[in-house]
Amino acid sequence: MDHATEPTRHGAAHRVSRIDAAVAPETVLALQLVIEREHVGLSEALRRLVAYGELVYRAIREEHAEVLVRTDRTVREVVLL
């Protein structure tokens, strides 16, 4: 993993890491979906999906919360394996 310091949009510097990882086809599809729908680059799509995942992970594991996905017709519970 390589480390570098890059400026943020607000001018402050933050440390970033470069990683080389093999990912499953489902992960590539998820990244492509965010890239296309949100008009962002690969790094931003990855950052967003990881942030969403961390939010759900912490809610369930640390706060013992129930996380639900509700639509007009269904309610599904998010379960961590």
PDB file of N, CA and C in Angstrom:
ATOM      1  N   MET A   1       0.851  -1.168   0.000  1.00  0.00           N
ATOM      2  CA  MET A   1       0.000   0.000   0.000  1.00  0.00           C
ATOM      3  C   MET A   1       0.898   1.232   0.000  1.00  0.00           C
ATOM      4  N   ASP A   2       0.685   2.134  -0.934  1.00  0.00           N
ATOM      5  CA  ASP A   2       1.443   3.376  -1.013  1.00  0.00           C
ATOM      6  C   ASP A   2       0.653   4.486  -0.337  1.00  0.00           C
ATOM      7  N   HIS A   3       1.365   5.387   0.333  1.00  0.00           N
ATOM      8  CA  HIS A   3       0.718   6.506   1.012  1.00  0.00           C
ATOM      9  C   HIS A   3       1.159   7.809   0.360  1.00  0.00           C
ATOM     10  N   ALA A   4       0.250   8.765   0.268  1.00  0.00           N
ATOM     11  CA  ALA A   4       0.552  10.083  -0.266  1.00  0.00           C
ATOM     12  C   ALA A   4      -0.362  11.091   0.407  1.00  0.00           C
ATOM     13  N   THR A   5       0.019  12.349   0.327  1.00  0.00           N
ATOM     14  CA  THR A   5      -0.826  13.414   0.855  1.00  0.00           C
ATOM     15  C   THR A   5      -1.383  14.191  -0.321  1.00  0.00           C
ATOM     16  N   GLU A   6      -2.699  14.365  -0.338  1.00  0.00           N
ATOM     17  CA  GLU A   6      -3.356  15.089  -1.420  1.00  0.00           C
ATOM     18  C   GLU A   6      -4.266  16.154  -0.830  1.00  0.00           C
ATOM     19  N   PRO A   7      -4.435  17.266  -1.541  1.00  0.00           N
ATOM     20  CA  PRO A   7      -5.348  18.300  -1.041  1.00  0.00           C
ATOM     21  C   PRO A   7      -6.797  17.862  -1.201  1.00  0.00           C
ATOM     22  N   THR A   8      -7.638  18.303  -0.276  1.00  0.00           N
ATOM     23  CA  THR A   8      -9.072  18.038  -0.384  1.00  0.00           C
ATOM     24  C   THR A   8      -9.721  19.191  -1.134  1.00  0.00           C
ATOM     25  N   ARG A   9     -11.019  19.084  -1.356  1.00  0.00           N
ATOM     26  CA  ARG A   9     -11.742  20.166  -2.021  1.00  0.00           C
ATOM     27  C   ARG A   9     -11.712  21.446  -1.197  1.00  0.00           C
ATOM     28  N   HIS A  10     -11.509  21.311   0.102  1.00  0.00           N
ATOM     29  CA  HIS A  10     -11.525  22.479   0.987  1.00  0.00           C
ATOM     30  C   HIS A  10     -10.126  23.002   1.258  1.00  0.00           C
ATOM     31  N   GLY A  11      -9.119  22.473   0.570  1.00  0.00           N
ATOM     32  CA  GLY A  11      -7.767  22.973   0.706  1.00  0.00           C
ATOM     33  C   GLY A  11      -6.924  22.274   1.754  1.00  0.00           C
ATOM     34  N   ALA A  12      -7.543  21.547   2.669  1.00  0.00           N
ATOM     35  CA  ALA A  12      -6.780  20.836   3.697  1.00  0.00           C
ATOM     36  C   ALA A  12      -6.157  19.587   3.081  1.00  0.00           C
ATOM     37  N   ALA A  13      -5.034  19.181   3.614  1.00  0.00           N
ATOM     38  CA  ALA A  13      -4.379  17.968   3.121  1.00  0.00           C
ATOM     39  C   ALA A  13      -4.854  16.774   3.935  1.00  0.00           C
ATOM     40  N   HIS A  14      -5.002  15.650   3.284  1.00  0.00           N
ATOM     41  CA  HIS A  14      -5.309  14.418   3.995  1.00  0.00           C
ATOM     42  C   HIS A  14      -4.483  13.303   3.377  1.00  0.00           C
ATOM     43  N   ARG A  15      -4.254  12.298   4.144  1.00  0.00           N
ATOM     44  CA  ARG A  15      -3.421  11.192   3.703  1.00  0.00           C
ATOM     45  C   ARG A  15      -4.275  10.180   2.938  1.00  0.00           C
ATOM     46  N   VAL A  16      -3.801   9.788   1.785  1.00  0.00           N
ATOM     47  CA  VAL A  16      -4.495   8.787   0.984  1.00  0.00           C
ATOM     48  C   VAL A  16      -3.578   7.594   0.788  1.00  0.00           C
ATOM     49  N   SER A  17      -4.166   6.459   0.549  1.00  0.00           N
ATOM     50  CA  SER A  17      -3.406   5.241   0.294  1.00  0.00           C
ATOM     51  C   SER A  17      -3.799   4.686  -1.061  1.00  0.00           C
ATOM     52  N   ARG A  18      -2.837   4.150  -1.753  1.00  0.00           N
ATOM     53  CA  ARG A  18      -3.099   3.480  -3.023  1.00  0.00           C
ATOM     54  C   ARG A  18      -3.005   1.986  -2.778  1.00  0.00           C
ATOM     55  N   ILE A  19      -4.033   1.267  -3.222  1.00  0.00           N
ATOM     56  CA  ILE A  19      -4.025  -0.180  -3.053  1.00  0.00           C
ATOM     57  C   ILE A  19      -4.271  -0.846  -4.398  1.00  0.00           C
ATOM     58  N   ASP A  20      -3.770  -2.035  -4.526  1.00  0.00           N
ATOM     59  CA  ASP A  20      -4.006  -2.853  -5.710  1.00  0.00           C
ATOM     60  C   ASP A  20      -4.727  -4.092  -5.213  1.00  0.00           C
ATOM     61  N   ALA A  21      -5.982  -4.249  -5.617  1.00  0.00           N
ATOM     62  CA  ALA A  21      -6.775  -5.360  -5.095  1.00  0.00           C
ATOM     63  C   ALA A  21      -7.584  -6.004  -6.215  1.00  0.00           C
ATOM     64  N   ALA A  22      -7.681  -7.311  -6.154  1.00  0.00           N
ATOM     65  CA  ALA A  22      -8.574  -8.033  -7.060  1.00  0.00           C
ATOM     66  C   ALA A  22      -9.974  -7.981  -6.461  1.00  0.00           C
ATOM     67  N   VAL A  23     -10.965  -7.659  -7.276  1.00  0.00           N
ATOM     68  CA  VAL A  23     -12.335  -7.570  -6.771  1.00  0.00           C
ATOM     69  C   VAL A  23     -13.253  -8.454  -7.604  1.00  0.00           C
ATOM     70  N   ALA A  24     -14.322  -8.889  -6.987  1.00  0.00           N
ATOM     71  CA  ALA A  24     -15.301  -9.752  -7.644  1.00  0.00           C
ATOM     72  C   ALA A  24     -16.070  -8.966  -8.708  1.00  0.00           C
ATOM     73  N   PRO A  25     -16.607  -9.665  -9.687  1.00  0.00           N
ATOM     74  CA  PRO A  25     -17.406  -8.988 -10.723  1.00  0.00           C
ATOM     75  C   PRO A  25     -18.566  -8.174 -10.151  1.00  0.00           C
ATOM     76  N   GLU A  26     -19.166  -8.636  -9.061  1.00  0.00           N
ATOM     77  CA  GLU A  26     -20.271  -7.900  -8.439  1.00  0.00           C
ATOM     78  C   GLU A  26     -19.800  -6.550  -7.909  1.00  0.00           C
ATOM     79  N   THR A  27     -18.579  -6.505  -7.415  1.00  0.00           N
ATOM     80  CA  THR A  27     -18.016  -5.255  -6.906  1.00  0.00           C
ATOM     81  C   THR A  27     -17.787  -4.278  -8.050  1.00  0.00           C
ATOM     82  N   VAL A  28     -17.273  -4.778  -9.157  1.00  0.00           N
ATOM     83  CA  VAL A  28     -17.064  -3.937 -10.340  1.00  0.00           C
ATOM     84  C   VAL A  28     -18.398  -3.375 -10.824  1.00  0.00           C
ATOM     85  N   LEU A  29     -19.431  -4.202 -10.857  1.00  0.00           N
ATOM     86  CA  LEU A  29     -20.755  -3.734 -11.283  1.00  0.00           C
ATOM     87  C   LEU A  29     -21.298  -2.662 -10.345  1.00  0.00           C
ATOM     88  N   ALA A  30     -21.100  -2.835  -9.040  1.00  0.00           N
ATOM     89  CA  ALA A  30     -21.559  -1.837  -8.070  1.00  0.00           C
ATOM     90  C   ALA A  30     -20.829  -0.513  -8.284  1.00  0.00           C
ATOM     91  N   LEU A  31     -19.529  -0.581  -8.519  1.00  0.00           N
ATOM     92  CA  LEU A  31     -18.753   0.633  -8.775  1.00  0.00           C
ATOM     93  C   LEU A  31     -19.210   1.307 -10.067  1.00  0.00           C
ATOM     94  N   GLN A  32     -19.412   0.531 -11.114  1.00  0.00           N
ATOM     95  CA  GLN A  32     -19.870   1.085 -12.389  1.00  0.00           C
ATOM     96  C   GLN A  32     -21.236   1.745 -12.253  1.00  0.00           C
ATOM     97  N   LEU A  33     -22.108   1.159 -11.464  1.00  0.00           N
ATOM     98  CA  LEU A  33     -23.433   1.734 -11.240  1.00  0.00           C
ATOM     99  C   LEU A  33     -23.324   3.128 -10.628  1.00  0.00           C
ATOM    100  N   VAL A  34     -22.505   3.257  -9.583  1.00  0.00           N
ATOM    101  CA  VAL A  34     -22.341   4.558  -8.923  1.00  0.00           C
ATOM    102  C   VAL A  34     -21.660   5.551  -9.865  1.00  0.00           C
ATOM    103  N   ILE A  35     -20.644   5.106 -10.588  1.00  0.00           N
ATOM    104  CA  ILE A  35     -19.939   5.982 -11.530  1.00  0.00           C
ATOM    105  C   ILE A  35     -20.910   6.551 -12.561  1.00  0.00           C
ATOM    106  N   GLU A  36     -21.739   5.696 -13.131  1.00  0.00           N
ATOM    107  CA  GLU A  36     -22.667   6.128 -14.180  1.00  0.00           C
ATOM    108  C   GLU A  36     -23.814   6.978 -13.644  1.00  0.00           C
ATOM    109  N   ARG A  37     -24.389   6.585 -12.534  1.00  0.00           N
ATOM    110  CA  ARG A  37     -25.557   7.319 -12.012  1.00  0.00           C
ATOM    111  C   ARG A  37     -25.187   8.629 -11.338  1.00  0.00           C
ATOM    112  N   GLU A  38     -24.030   8.649 -10.691  1.00  0.00           N
ATOM    113  CA  GLU A  38     -23.637   9.837  -9.930  1.00  0.00           C
ATOM    114  C   GLU A  38     -22.628  10.716 -10.667  1.00  0.00           C
ATOM    115  N   HIS A  39     -22.156  10.251 -11.828  1.00  0.00           N
ATOM    116  CA  HIS A  39     -21.182  11.005 -12.630  1.00  0.00           C
ATOM    117  C   HIS A  39     -19.931  11.344 -11.819  1.00  0.00           C
ATOM    118  N   VAL A  40     -19.366  10.320 -11.203  1.00  0.00           N
ATOM    119  CA  VAL A  40     -18.145  10.479 -10.414  1.00  0.00           C
ATOM    120  C   VAL A  40     -17.095   9.506 -10.945  1.00  0.00           C
ATOM    121  N   GLY A  41     -15.860   9.703 -10.510  1.00  0.00           N
ATOM    122  CA  GLY A  41     -14.781   8.811 -10.902  1.00  0.00           C
ATOM    123  C   GLY A  41     -14.736   7.567 -10.032  1.00  0.00           C
ATOM    124  N   LEU A  42     -13.830   6.680 -10.390  1.00  0.00           N
ATOM    125  CA  LEU A  42     -13.687   5.416  -9.676  1.00  0.00           C
ATOM    126  C   LEU A  42     -13.360   5.624  -8.201  1.00  0.00           C
ATOM    127  N   SER A  43     -12.409   6.501  -7.891  1.00  0.00           N
ATOM    128  CA  SER A  43     -12.024   6.714  -6.487  1.00  0.00           C
ATOM    129  C   SER A  43     -13.190   7.226  -5.654  1.00  0.00           C
ATOM    130  N   GLU A  44     -13.968   8.159  -6.213  1.00  0.00           N
ATOM    131  CA  GLU A  44     -15.113   8.705  -5.481  1.00  0.00           C
ATOM    132  C   GLU A  44     -16.203   7.659  -5.313  1.00  0.00           C
ATOM    133  N   ALA A  45     -16.444   6.860  -6.341  1.00  0.00           N
ATOM    134  CA  ALA A  45     -17.442   5.789  -6.231  1.00  0.00           C
ATOM    135  C   ALA A  45     -17.038   4.800  -5.147  1.00  0.00           C
ATOM    136  N   LEU A  46     -15.781   4.433  -5.122  1.00  0.00           N
ATOM    137  CA  LEU A  46     -15.286   3.515  -4.100  1.00  0.00           C
ATOM    138  C   LEU A  46     -15.409   4.133  -2.713  1.00  0.00           C
ATOM    139  N   ARG A  47     -15.041   5.406  -2.585  1.00  0.00           N
ATOM    140  CA  ARG A  47     -15.141   6.090  -1.292  1.00  0.00           C
ATOM    141  C   ARG A  47     -16.577   6.087  -0.792  1.00  0.00           C
ATOM    142  N   ARG A  48     -17.517   6.383  -1.675  1.00  0.00           N
ATOM    143  CA  ARG A  48     -18.923   6.423  -1.276  1.00  0.00           C
ATOM    144  C   ARG A  48     -19.428   5.054  -0.837  1.00  0.00           C
ATOM    145  N   LEU A  49     -19.139   4.033  -1.629  1.00  0.00           N
ATOM    146  CA  LEU A  49     -19.632   2.701  -1.276  1.00  0.00           C
ATOM    147  C   LEU A  49     -19.013   2.199   0.021  1.00  0.00           C
ATOM    148  N   VAL A  50     -17.746   2.486   0.239  1.00  0.00           N
ATOM    149  CA  VAL A  50     -17.109   2.084   1.497  1.00  0.00           C
ATOM    150  C   VAL A  50     -17.725   2.850   2.662  1.00  0.00           C
ATOM    151  N   ALA A  51     -17.985   4.134   2.476  1.00  0.00           N
ATOM    152  CA  ALA A  51     -18.601   4.931   3.543  1.00  0.00           C
ATOM    153  C   ALA A  51     -19.995   4.410   3.883  1.00  0.00           C
ATOM    154  N   TYR A  52     -20.780   4.056   2.854  1.00  0.00           N
ATOM    155  CA  TYR A  52     -22.110   3.493   3.108  1.00  0.00           C
ATOM    156  C   TYR A  52     -21.986   2.180   3.873  1.00  0.00           C
ATOM    157  N   GLY A  53     -21.066   1.350   3.436  1.00  0.00           N
ATOM    158  CA  GLY A  53     -20.858   0.059   4.094  1.00  0.00           C
ATOM    159  C   GLY A  53     -20.417   0.217   5.534  1.00  0.00           C
ATOM    160  N   GLU A  54     -19.527   1.183   5.779  1.00  0.00           N
ATOM    161  CA  GLU A  54     -19.076   1.416   7.150  1.00  0.00           C
ATOM    162  C   GLU A  54     -20.225   1.894   8.031  1.00  0.00           C
ATOM    163  N   LEU A  55     -21.071   2.759   7.491  1.00  0.00           N
ATOM    164  CA  LEU A  55     -22.229   3.247   8.239  1.00  0.00           C
ATOM    165  C   LEU A  55     -23.122   2.090   8.668  1.00  0.00           C
ATOM    166  N   VAL A  56     -23.435   1.209   7.736  1.00  0.00           N
ATOM    167  CA  VAL A  56     -24.292   0.062   8.038  1.00  0.00           C
ATOM    168  C   VAL A  56     -23.589  -0.879   9.008  1.00  0.00           C
ATOM    169  N   TYR A  57     -22.318  -1.147   8.771  1.00  0.00           N
ATOM    170  CA  TYR A  57     -21.549  -2.050   9.626  1.00  0.00           C
ATOM    171  C   TYR A  57     -21.529  -1.556  11.076  1.00  0.00           C
ATOM    172  N   ARG A  58     -21.210  -0.276  11.254  1.00  0.00           N
ATOM    173  CA  ARG A  58     -21.145   0.274  12.619  1.00  0.00           C
ATOM    174  C   ARG A  58     -22.516   0.280  13.287  1.00  0.00           C
ATOM    175  N   ALA A  59     -23.547   0.609  12.528  1.00  0.00           N
ATOM    176  CA  ALA A  59     -24.897   0.629  13.100  1.00  0.00           C
ATOM    177  C   ALA A  59     -25.270  -0.740  13.640  1.00  0.00           C
ATOM    178  N   ILE A  60     -25.008  -1.774  12.860  1.00  0.00           N
ATOM    179  CA  ILE A  60     -25.396  -3.125  13.276  1.00  0.00           C
ATOM    180  C   ILE A  60     -24.459  -3.680  14.336  1.00  0.00           C
ATOM    181  N   ARG A  61     -23.153  -3.613  14.104  1.00  0.00           N
ATOM    182  CA  ARG A  61     -22.185  -4.246  15.006  1.00  0.00           C
ATOM    183  C   ARG A  61     -21.948  -3.471  16.304  1.00  0.00           C
ATOM    184  N   GLU A  62     -21.843  -2.151  16.196  1.00  0.00           N
ATOM    185  CA  GLU A  62     -21.490  -1.359  17.375  1.00  0.00           C
ATOM    186  C   GLU A  62     -22.707  -0.832  18.129  1.00  0.00           C
ATOM    187  N   GLU A  63     -23.730  -0.456  17.394  1.00  0.00           N
ATOM    188  CA  GLU A  63     -24.907   0.135  18.033  1.00  0.00           C
ATOM    189  C   GLU A  63     -26.040  -0.866  18.187  1.00  0.00           C
ATOM    190  N   HIS A  64     -25.827  -2.075  17.672  1.00  0.00           N
ATOM    191  CA  HIS A  64     -26.840  -3.135  17.729  1.00  0.00           C
ATOM    192  C   HIS A  64     -28.172  -2.654  17.161  1.00  0.00           C
ATOM    193  N   ALA A  65     -28.081  -1.862  16.087  1.00  0.00           N
ATOM    194  CA  ALA A  65     -29.272  -1.303  15.443  1.00  0.00           C
ATOM    195  C   ALA A  65     -29.848  -2.291  14.439  1.00  0.00           C
ATOM    196  N   GLU A  66     -31.104  -2.114  14.163  1.00  0.00           N
ATOM    197  CA  GLU A  66     -31.768  -2.851  13.103  1.00  0.00           C
ATOM    198  C   GLU A  66     -31.782  -1.927  11.885  1.00  0.00           C
ATOM    199  N   VAL A  67     -31.237  -2.392  10.775  1.00  0.00           N
ATOM    200  CA  VAL A  67     -31.185  -1.586   9.558  1.00  0.00           C
ATOM    201  C   VAL A  67     -32.177  -2.173   8.559  1.00  0.00           C
ATOM    202  N   LEU A  68     -33.114  -1.343   8.139  1.00  0.00           N
ATOM    203  CA  LEU A  68     -34.175  -1.791   7.240  1.00  0.00           C
ATOM    204  C   LEU A  68     -34.126  -1.019   5.928  1.00  0.00           C
ATOM    205  N   VAL A  69     -34.479  -1.708   4.843  1.00  0.00           N
ATOM    206  CA  VAL A  69     -34.664  -1.076   3.541  1.00  0.00           C
ATOM    207  C   VAL A  69     -36.151  -1.186   3.236  1.00  0.00           C
ATOM    208  N   ARG A  70     -36.814  -0.033   3.195  1.00  0.00           N
ATOM    209  CA  ARG A  70     -38.271  -0.013   3.047  1.00  0.00           C
ATOM    210  C   ARG A  70     -38.645   0.611   1.698  1.00  0.00           C
ATOM    211  N   THR A  71     -39.504  -0.069   0.971  1.00  0.00           N
ATOM    212  CA  THR A  71     -40.088   0.480  -0.258  1.00  0.00           C
ATOM    213  C   THR A  71     -41.598   0.554  -0.043  1.00  0.00           C
ATOM    214  N   ASP A  72     -42.318   0.933  -1.080  1.00  0.00           N
ATOM    215  CA  ASP A  72     -43.780   1.004  -0.963  1.00  0.00           C
ATOM    216  C   ASP A  72     -44.402  -0.355  -0.660  1.00  0.00           C
ATOM    217  N   ARG A  73     -43.757  -1.432  -1.144  1.00  0.00           N
ATOM    218  CA  ARG A  73     -44.365  -2.754  -1.014  1.00  0.00           C
ATOM    219  C   ARG A  73     -43.612  -3.727  -0.120  1.00  0.00           C
ATOM    220  N   THR A  74     -42.370  -3.447   0.195  1.00  0.00           N
ATOM    221  CA  THR A  74     -41.594  -4.418   0.977  1.00  0.00           C
ATOM    222  C   THR A  74     -40.742  -3.738   2.035  1.00  0.00           C
ATOM    223  N   VAL A  75     -40.367  -4.534   3.020  1.00  0.00           N
ATOM    224  CA  VAL A  75     -39.389  -4.122   4.026  1.00  0.00           C
ATOM    225  C   VAL A  75     -38.390  -5.264   4.144  1.00  0.00           C
ATOM    226  N   ARG A  76     -37.102  -4.939   3.969  1.00  0.00           N
ATOM    227  CA  ARG A  76     -36.057  -5.950   4.091  1.00  0.00           C
ATOM    228  C   ARG A  76     -35.085  -5.523   5.174  1.00  0.00           C
ATOM    229  N   GLU A  77     -34.626  -6.480   5.953  1.00  0.00           N
ATOM    230  CA  GLU A  77     -33.640  -6.213   6.994  1.00  0.00           C
ATOM    231  C   GLU A  77     -32.247  -6.483   6.443  1.00  0.00           C
ATOM    232  N   VAL A  78     -31.310  -5.584   6.733  1.00  0.00           N
ATOM    233  CA  VAL A  78     -29.915  -5.780   6.350  1.00  0.00           C
ATOM    234  C   VAL A  78     -29.265  -6.618   7.435  1.00  0.00           C
ATOM    235  N   VAL A  79     -28.672  -7.737   7.039  1.00  0.00           N
ATOM    236  CA  VAL A  79     -28.042  -8.660   7.981  1.00  0.00           C
ATOM    237  C   VAL A  79     -26.580  -8.812   7.599  1.00  0.00           C
ATOM    238  N   LEU A  80     -25.687  -8.690   8.573  1.00  0.00           N
ATOM    239  CA  LEU A  80     -24.263  -8.916   8.325  1.00  0.00           C
ATOM    240  C   LEU A  80     -23.941 -10.376   8.555  1.00  0.00           C
ATOM    241  N   LEU A  81     -23.179 -10.957   7.669  1.00  0.00           N
ATOM    242  CA  LEU A  81     -22.784 -12.362   7.801  1.00  0.00           C
ATOM    243  C   LEU A  81     -21.499 -12.481   8.582  1.00  0.00           C
TER     244      LEU A  81
END
